[in-house]
N, C-alpha and C. Protein backbone atom coordinates (compact mmCIF):
# COMPACT_ATOMS: atom_id res chain seq x y z
N MET A 1 109.58 50.36 104.58
CA MET A 1 108.79 49.16 104.78
C MET A 1 108.30 48.67 103.41
N ILE A 2 108.48 47.43 103.14
CA ILE A 2 108.04 46.83 101.90
C ILE A 2 106.70 46.15 102.14
N LEU A 3 105.73 46.48 101.33
CA LEU A 3 104.40 45.89 101.49
C LEU A 3 104.34 44.55 100.78
N PRO A 4 103.63 43.59 101.36
CA PRO A 4 103.49 42.29 100.72
C PRO A 4 102.78 42.40 99.37
N THR A 5 103.21 41.57 98.43
CA THR A 5 102.63 41.55 97.09
C THR A 5 101.13 41.32 97.14
N ARG A 6 100.68 40.47 98.03
CA ARG A 6 99.24 40.16 98.13
C ARG A 6 98.44 41.42 98.48
N PHE A 7 98.96 42.21 99.43
CA PHE A 7 98.29 43.45 99.82
C PHE A 7 98.21 44.41 98.64
N LEU A 8 99.33 44.58 97.94
CA LEU A 8 99.34 45.49 96.80
C LEU A 8 98.39 45.03 95.70
N THR A 9 98.32 43.74 95.46
CA THR A 9 97.40 43.19 94.46
C THR A 9 95.96 43.49 94.85
N MET A 10 95.62 43.27 96.12
CA MET A 10 94.24 43.55 96.59
C MET A 10 93.94 45.04 96.51
N PHE A 11 94.90 45.89 96.92
CA PHE A 11 94.69 47.33 96.89
C PHE A 11 94.43 47.83 95.48
N PHE A 12 95.30 47.46 94.54
CA PHE A 12 95.13 47.94 93.17
C PHE A 12 93.92 47.32 92.50
N GLY A 13 93.59 46.10 92.88
CA GLY A 13 92.37 45.46 92.36
C GLY A 13 91.12 46.20 92.82
N ALA A 14 91.10 46.57 94.11
CA ALA A 14 89.97 47.33 94.64
C ALA A 14 89.89 48.71 93.99
N LEU A 15 91.03 49.36 93.82
CA LEU A 15 91.07 50.68 93.18
C LEU A 15 90.55 50.61 91.75
N LEU A 16 91.01 49.63 90.99
CA LEU A 16 90.55 49.45 89.62
C LEU A 16 89.06 49.16 89.57
N SER A 17 88.56 48.39 90.52
CA SER A 17 87.14 48.08 90.59
C SER A 17 86.33 49.35 90.80
N CYS A 18 86.79 50.21 91.69
CA CYS A 18 86.09 51.48 91.95
C CYS A 18 86.08 52.35 90.71
N ILE A 19 87.21 52.42 90.03
CA ILE A 19 87.29 53.25 88.84
C ILE A 19 86.39 52.71 87.74
N SER A 20 86.40 51.42 87.52
CA SER A 20 85.62 50.86 86.41
C SER A 20 84.13 50.86 86.70
N SER A 21 83.72 50.92 87.99
CA SER A 21 82.30 50.92 88.28
C SER A 21 81.74 52.33 88.43
N SER A 22 82.58 53.35 88.25
CA SER A 22 82.07 54.72 88.36
C SER A 22 81.09 54.98 87.23
N SER A 23 80.19 55.87 87.48
CA SER A 23 79.09 56.12 86.58
C SER A 23 79.51 56.77 85.28
N VAL A 24 78.93 56.31 84.20
CA VAL A 24 79.15 56.93 82.89
C VAL A 24 78.61 58.35 82.92
N ALA A 25 77.49 58.55 83.63
CA ALA A 25 76.88 59.88 83.68
C ALA A 25 77.78 60.91 84.34
N GLU A 26 78.73 60.47 85.17
CA GLU A 26 79.64 61.41 85.81
C GLU A 26 80.36 62.27 84.78
N THR A 27 80.70 61.72 83.64
CA THR A 27 81.39 62.48 82.61
C THR A 27 80.44 62.96 81.52
N ALA A 28 79.25 62.37 81.47
CA ALA A 28 78.31 62.70 80.41
C ALA A 28 77.49 63.94 80.72
N ILE A 29 77.26 64.22 82.00
CA ILE A 29 76.46 65.38 82.34
C ILE A 29 77.18 66.27 83.34
N LYS A 30 76.69 67.48 83.42
CA LYS A 30 77.18 68.44 84.41
C LYS A 30 75.95 69.13 84.99
N VAL A 31 75.94 69.30 86.30
CA VAL A 31 74.81 69.93 86.97
C VAL A 31 75.27 71.24 87.59
N HIS A 32 74.46 72.29 87.41
CA HIS A 32 74.74 73.61 87.95
C HIS A 32 73.58 74.07 88.83
N ASP A 33 73.88 74.90 89.80
CA ASP A 33 72.89 75.63 90.60
C ASP A 33 71.77 74.72 91.13
N ALA A 34 72.13 73.60 91.73
CA ALA A 34 71.13 72.70 92.32
C ALA A 34 70.75 73.21 93.70
N TRP A 35 69.44 73.33 93.95
CA TRP A 35 68.97 73.80 95.25
C TRP A 35 67.60 73.24 95.56
N ILE A 36 67.30 73.17 96.84
CA ILE A 36 66.01 72.73 97.35
C ILE A 36 65.37 73.92 98.04
N ARG A 37 64.09 74.13 97.75
CA ARG A 37 63.38 75.22 98.41
C ARG A 37 63.04 74.83 99.84
N GLU A 38 63.49 75.65 100.78
CA GLU A 38 63.18 75.41 102.20
C GLU A 38 61.66 75.47 102.41
N GLY A 39 61.16 74.58 103.22
CA GLY A 39 59.74 74.58 103.56
C GLY A 39 59.58 74.64 105.07
N PRO A 40 58.34 74.69 105.54
CA PRO A 40 58.12 74.66 106.99
C PRO A 40 58.56 73.30 107.55
N PRO A 41 58.87 73.24 108.84
CA PRO A 41 59.34 71.98 109.44
C PRO A 41 58.37 70.81 109.27
N THR A 42 57.11 71.09 109.08
CA THR A 42 56.11 70.02 108.93
C THR A 42 55.81 69.67 107.48
N ALA A 43 56.56 70.24 106.54
CA ALA A 43 56.31 70.00 105.11
C ALA A 43 56.43 68.51 104.79
N THR A 44 55.48 68.02 103.99
CA THR A 44 55.52 66.62 103.55
C THR A 44 56.10 66.49 102.14
N VAL A 45 56.21 67.60 101.43
CA VAL A 45 56.85 67.62 100.11
C VAL A 45 57.68 68.90 99.98
N LEU A 46 58.77 68.78 99.27
CA LEU A 46 59.63 69.91 98.94
C LEU A 46 59.96 69.80 97.46
N ALA A 47 60.62 70.80 96.91
CA ALA A 47 60.98 70.76 95.50
C ALA A 47 62.46 71.09 95.34
N ALA A 48 63.08 70.41 94.36
CA ALA A 48 64.48 70.67 94.03
C ALA A 48 64.55 71.17 92.59
N TYR A 49 65.50 72.06 92.37
CA TYR A 49 65.69 72.68 91.06
C TYR A 49 67.17 72.57 90.69
N LEU A 50 67.45 72.55 89.39
CA LEU A 50 68.83 72.45 88.92
C LEU A 50 68.89 72.73 87.44
N ASP A 51 70.09 73.00 86.97
CA ASP A 51 70.38 73.09 85.53
C ASP A 51 71.20 71.85 85.21
N ILE A 52 70.81 71.12 84.19
CA ILE A 52 71.52 69.90 83.84
C ILE A 52 71.96 69.99 82.38
N GLU A 53 73.23 69.66 82.14
CA GLU A 53 73.81 69.71 80.79
C GLU A 53 74.17 68.31 80.33
N ASN A 54 73.75 67.97 79.12
CA ASN A 54 74.20 66.75 78.46
C ASN A 54 75.43 67.15 77.65
N GLN A 55 76.59 66.67 78.05
CA GLN A 55 77.84 67.05 77.39
C GLN A 55 78.28 66.03 76.35
N THR A 56 77.37 65.15 75.94
CA THR A 56 77.74 64.12 74.97
C THR A 56 77.08 64.37 73.63
N ASN A 57 77.43 63.56 72.66
CA ASN A 57 76.82 63.62 71.34
C ASN A 57 75.67 62.63 71.20
N THR A 58 75.22 62.09 72.32
CA THR A 58 74.10 61.14 72.30
C THR A 58 72.98 61.64 73.22
N THR A 59 71.79 61.17 72.98
CA THR A 59 70.64 61.52 73.80
C THR A 59 70.72 60.77 75.12
N LEU A 60 70.46 61.47 76.22
CA LEU A 60 70.39 60.85 77.55
C LEU A 60 68.97 60.99 78.05
N LYS A 61 68.50 59.99 78.80
CA LYS A 61 67.14 60.02 79.33
C LYS A 61 67.17 59.89 80.84
N LEU A 62 66.76 60.97 81.52
CA LEU A 62 66.64 60.98 82.97
C LEU A 62 65.33 60.29 83.33
N ILE A 63 65.40 59.23 84.13
CA ILE A 63 64.19 58.46 84.44
C ILE A 63 63.81 58.51 85.92
N GLY A 64 64.66 59.08 86.76
CA GLY A 64 64.30 59.14 88.17
C GLY A 64 65.40 59.76 89.01
N ALA A 65 65.12 59.79 90.31
CA ALA A 65 66.07 60.31 91.28
C ALA A 65 65.80 59.62 92.61
N ASP A 66 66.79 59.65 93.48
CA ASP A 66 66.67 59.00 94.78
C ASP A 66 67.53 59.77 95.78
N SER A 67 67.20 59.62 97.06
CA SER A 67 67.96 60.24 98.12
C SER A 67 67.63 59.55 99.44
N PRO A 68 68.63 59.35 100.29
CA PRO A 68 68.34 58.78 101.61
C PRO A 68 67.57 59.76 102.50
N SER A 69 67.46 61.02 102.10
CA SER A 69 66.77 62.04 102.90
C SER A 69 65.27 62.10 102.65
N PHE A 70 64.76 61.32 101.66
CA PHE A 70 63.34 61.37 101.31
C PHE A 70 62.80 59.96 101.07
N GLU A 71 61.50 59.80 101.29
CA GLU A 71 60.87 58.51 101.01
C GLU A 71 60.94 58.17 99.53
N ARG A 72 60.67 59.17 98.71
CA ARG A 72 60.79 58.97 97.25
C ARG A 72 60.89 60.33 96.57
N ILE A 73 61.32 60.27 95.30
CA ILE A 73 61.44 61.49 94.49
C ILE A 73 60.77 61.21 93.15
N GLU A 74 60.00 62.19 92.69
CA GLU A 74 59.36 62.10 91.38
C GLU A 74 59.78 63.31 90.55
N ILE A 75 59.83 63.12 89.25
CA ILE A 75 60.08 64.23 88.33
C ILE A 75 58.71 64.79 87.96
N HIS A 76 58.53 66.10 88.12
CA HIS A 76 57.25 66.74 87.82
C HIS A 76 57.43 67.92 86.88
N ARG A 77 56.33 68.29 86.27
CA ARG A 77 56.26 69.53 85.50
C ARG A 77 55.00 70.26 85.92
N THR A 78 55.13 71.54 86.22
CA THR A 78 53.98 72.36 86.56
C THR A 78 53.41 72.94 85.28
N GLU A 79 52.09 72.80 85.10
CA GLU A 79 51.41 73.35 83.92
C GLU A 79 50.16 74.07 84.38
N MET A 80 49.86 75.16 83.73
CA MET A 80 48.65 75.93 84.04
C MET A 80 47.46 75.31 83.30
N GLU A 81 46.40 75.03 84.06
CA GLU A 81 45.17 74.49 83.48
C GLU A 81 43.99 75.28 84.05
N ASN A 82 43.32 76.03 83.18
CA ASN A 82 42.19 76.86 83.61
C ASN A 82 42.58 77.79 84.75
N GLY A 83 43.76 78.38 84.65
CA GLY A 83 44.22 79.34 85.65
C GLY A 83 44.74 78.71 86.93
N ILE A 84 44.83 77.40 86.98
CA ILE A 84 45.32 76.71 88.18
C ILE A 84 46.60 75.94 87.83
N ALA A 85 47.61 76.10 88.67
CA ALA A 85 48.86 75.38 88.45
C ALA A 85 48.70 73.94 88.93
N ARG A 86 48.98 73.00 88.04
CA ARG A 86 48.89 71.57 88.38
C ARG A 86 50.23 70.91 88.06
N MET A 87 50.59 69.96 88.91
CA MET A 87 51.84 69.24 88.71
C MET A 87 51.55 67.89 88.07
N HIS A 88 52.32 67.57 87.04
CA HIS A 88 52.16 66.31 86.33
C HIS A 88 53.46 65.51 86.40
N PRO A 89 53.39 64.27 86.91
CA PRO A 89 54.60 63.43 86.93
C PRO A 89 55.11 63.18 85.51
N GLN A 90 56.42 63.12 85.38
CA GLN A 90 57.08 62.87 84.10
C GLN A 90 57.87 61.57 84.23
N LYS A 91 57.65 60.64 83.34
CA LYS A 91 58.38 59.36 83.41
C LYS A 91 59.80 59.49 82.88
N VAL A 92 59.99 60.33 81.88
CA VAL A 92 61.30 60.48 81.23
C VAL A 92 61.53 61.94 80.86
N ILE A 93 62.74 62.39 81.10
CA ILE A 93 63.17 63.70 80.61
C ILE A 93 64.28 63.42 79.60
N THR A 94 64.03 63.76 78.35
CA THR A 94 65.00 63.52 77.29
C THR A 94 65.94 64.71 77.16
N LEU A 95 67.22 64.43 77.29
CA LEU A 95 68.25 65.46 77.16
C LEU A 95 68.95 65.26 75.83
N SER A 96 68.67 66.13 74.89
CA SER A 96 69.27 66.05 73.56
C SER A 96 70.79 66.20 73.66
N PRO A 97 71.51 65.74 72.64
CA PRO A 97 72.96 65.90 72.64
C PRO A 97 73.37 67.37 72.78
N LEU A 98 74.39 67.60 73.60
CA LEU A 98 74.97 68.93 73.80
C LEU A 98 73.91 69.98 74.15
N SER A 99 72.99 69.60 75.02
CA SER A 99 71.91 70.52 75.40
C SER A 99 71.93 70.78 76.90
N ARG A 100 71.14 71.75 77.29
CA ARG A 100 71.00 72.13 78.69
C ARG A 100 69.51 72.26 79.01
N MET A 101 69.10 71.75 80.15
CA MET A 101 67.71 71.87 80.58
C MET A 101 67.67 72.44 81.98
N VAL A 102 66.75 73.36 82.20
CA VAL A 102 66.62 74.03 83.48
C VAL A 102 65.37 73.51 84.20
N PHE A 103 65.56 73.03 85.41
CA PHE A 103 64.46 72.68 86.31
C PHE A 103 64.27 73.89 87.21
N SER A 104 63.11 74.55 87.13
CA SER A 104 62.92 75.80 87.85
C SER A 104 61.50 75.90 88.41
N PRO A 105 61.30 76.77 89.40
CA PRO A 105 59.95 76.95 89.95
C PRO A 105 58.95 77.28 88.85
N GLY A 106 57.81 76.62 88.88
CA GLY A 106 56.78 76.85 87.88
C GLY A 106 56.94 76.04 86.62
N ASP A 107 57.92 75.13 86.58
CA ASP A 107 58.17 74.32 85.39
C ASP A 107 58.61 72.93 85.84
N TYR A 108 59.62 72.36 85.23
CA TYR A 108 60.14 71.06 85.65
C TYR A 108 60.80 71.19 87.01
N HIS A 109 60.67 70.16 87.85
CA HIS A 109 61.31 70.13 89.15
C HIS A 109 61.33 68.70 89.67
N LEU A 110 62.13 68.47 90.69
CA LEU A 110 62.12 67.19 91.38
C LEU A 110 61.22 67.35 92.60
N MET A 111 60.17 66.54 92.69
CA MET A 111 59.26 66.58 93.83
C MET A 111 59.81 65.64 94.89
N LEU A 112 60.23 66.19 96.01
CA LEU A 112 60.86 65.45 97.10
C LEU A 112 59.77 65.10 98.11
N ILE A 113 59.38 63.84 98.15
CA ILE A 113 58.23 63.40 98.93
C ILE A 113 58.68 62.70 100.21
N GLY A 114 58.07 63.10 101.31
CA GLY A 114 58.35 62.47 102.60
C GLY A 114 59.73 62.75 103.14
N PRO A 115 60.06 64.02 103.40
CA PRO A 115 61.38 64.30 103.99
C PRO A 115 61.52 63.54 105.32
N LYS A 116 62.68 63.01 105.57
CA LYS A 116 62.91 62.21 106.78
C LYS A 116 63.30 63.08 107.97
N GLY A 117 63.22 64.38 107.79
CA GLY A 117 63.50 65.34 108.85
C GLY A 117 63.39 66.73 108.26
N PRO A 118 63.23 67.74 109.13
CA PRO A 118 63.12 69.11 108.61
C PRO A 118 64.45 69.54 107.98
N LEU A 119 64.35 70.31 106.92
CA LEU A 119 65.54 70.83 106.23
C LEU A 119 65.51 72.35 106.28
N ARG A 120 66.49 72.91 106.94
CA ARG A 120 66.60 74.36 107.08
C ARG A 120 67.58 74.90 106.05
N ALA A 121 67.45 76.17 105.73
CA ALA A 121 68.36 76.84 104.80
C ALA A 121 69.80 76.63 105.26
N GLY A 122 70.67 76.28 104.32
CA GLY A 122 72.07 76.02 104.62
C GLY A 122 72.40 74.54 104.71
N ALA A 123 71.39 73.70 104.94
CA ALA A 123 71.63 72.25 104.99
C ALA A 123 71.94 71.74 103.59
N THR A 124 72.56 70.59 103.51
CA THR A 124 72.81 69.96 102.22
C THR A 124 72.22 68.56 102.20
N VAL A 125 71.86 68.13 101.00
CA VAL A 125 71.23 66.83 100.78
C VAL A 125 71.91 66.17 99.59
N GLU A 126 72.12 64.87 99.68
CA GLU A 126 72.68 64.13 98.54
C GLU A 126 71.53 63.58 97.70
N LEU A 127 71.60 63.81 96.40
CA LEU A 127 70.63 63.27 95.44
C LEU A 127 71.36 62.44 94.41
N GLU A 128 70.67 61.43 93.91
CA GLU A 128 71.21 60.60 92.84
C GLU A 128 70.25 60.69 91.66
N LEU A 129 70.75 61.18 90.53
CA LEU A 129 69.96 61.20 89.30
C LEU A 129 70.17 59.87 88.59
N GLN A 130 69.09 59.29 88.07
CA GLN A 130 69.16 57.96 87.45
C GLN A 130 68.78 58.06 85.97
N PHE A 131 69.58 57.42 85.13
CA PHE A 131 69.39 57.48 83.69
C PHE A 131 68.98 56.12 83.13
N GLU A 132 68.32 56.17 81.98
CA GLU A 132 67.78 54.97 81.35
C GLU A 132 68.85 53.91 81.05
N ASP A 133 70.07 54.36 80.76
CA ASP A 133 71.14 53.41 80.44
C ASP A 133 71.74 52.75 81.68
N GLY A 134 71.19 53.06 82.86
CA GLY A 134 71.68 52.46 84.10
C GLY A 134 72.71 53.31 84.82
N SER A 135 73.17 54.39 84.21
CA SER A 135 74.15 55.26 84.84
C SER A 135 73.46 56.17 85.86
N THR A 136 74.25 56.71 86.76
CA THR A 136 73.74 57.62 87.78
C THR A 136 74.68 58.81 87.91
N TYR A 137 74.17 59.85 88.54
CA TYR A 137 74.97 61.04 88.81
C TYR A 137 74.61 61.48 90.22
N ILE A 138 75.59 61.52 91.11
CA ILE A 138 75.34 61.90 92.51
C ILE A 138 75.79 63.34 92.70
N LEU A 139 74.93 64.12 93.35
CA LEU A 139 75.26 65.52 93.60
C LEU A 139 74.81 65.94 94.98
N THR A 140 75.43 66.96 95.49
CA THR A 140 75.05 67.55 96.76
C THR A 140 74.27 68.82 96.48
N VAL A 141 73.10 68.92 97.10
CA VAL A 141 72.18 70.03 96.85
C VAL A 141 72.01 70.83 98.14
N ILE A 142 72.05 72.15 98.02
CA ILE A 142 71.89 73.02 99.19
C ILE A 142 70.43 73.44 99.34
N VAL A 143 70.00 73.56 100.58
CA VAL A 143 68.65 74.05 100.89
C VAL A 143 68.73 75.56 101.02
N ARG A 144 67.84 76.25 100.30
CA ARG A 144 67.81 77.72 100.31
C ARG A 144 66.38 78.21 100.47
N THR A 145 66.26 79.43 100.93
CA THR A 145 64.94 80.05 100.97
C THR A 145 64.59 80.49 99.56
N ALA A 146 63.31 80.59 99.27
CA ALA A 146 62.88 81.08 97.96
C ALA A 146 63.36 82.51 97.77
N LEU A 147 63.41 83.27 98.85
CA LEU A 147 63.87 84.66 98.79
C LEU A 147 65.31 84.74 98.30
N ALA A 148 66.12 83.73 98.65
CA ALA A 148 67.51 83.72 98.22
C ALA A 148 67.62 83.63 96.70
N HIS A 149 66.57 83.16 96.04
CA HIS A 149 66.58 83.07 94.58
C HIS A 149 65.71 84.15 93.95
N GLY A 150 65.30 85.14 94.75
CA GLY A 150 64.55 86.26 94.21
C GLY A 150 63.13 85.92 93.78
N LEU A 151 62.55 84.87 94.35
CA LEU A 151 61.22 84.46 93.92
C LEU A 151 60.10 85.23 94.59
N TYR A 152 60.39 85.88 95.71
CA TYR A 152 59.34 86.59 96.41
C TYR A 152 59.69 88.04 96.64
N GLN A 153 60.29 88.66 95.68
CA GLN A 153 60.63 90.07 95.81
C GLN A 153 59.42 90.92 95.50
N HIS A 154 59.22 91.94 96.31
CA HIS A 154 58.10 92.86 96.09
C HIS A 154 58.65 94.22 95.66
N LYS A 155 57.95 94.86 94.78
CA LYS A 155 58.34 96.21 94.35
C LYS A 155 57.37 97.20 95.00
N TYR A 156 57.93 98.20 95.65
CA TYR A 156 57.10 99.20 96.32
C TYR A 156 57.11 100.51 95.58
């Protein structure tokens, strides 16, 4: 079967459009070990953690995140003040050239506000990281218990 020239032109035009509109961040960064800490079914906030690598020779600035699974997402850093852990919103996370930054419990994390449903261990969530240059990076994040990451191990 021979396809009409018009169809082939539209198909390749659409394909080229998809390729050219793909995010610059897709090749500029790499994300490892992304996970969300499981909370109780009534939790109004959760936290996501990840390792993010800037694989370029230029500075990248992470300015936000979004997900259809949450009302909003903020970048936070936990800091100890007078023996109390407090979370401080961060407007920008600067990723130096060829560097790696770890978002982990007790430090930088993504604060996931207003989950649109309970998230149990094993579920996955799509997140979009947003950069100052307008690029984005979409990733799938797994929900895990804190115990799965060794955060609540007791020694007897």
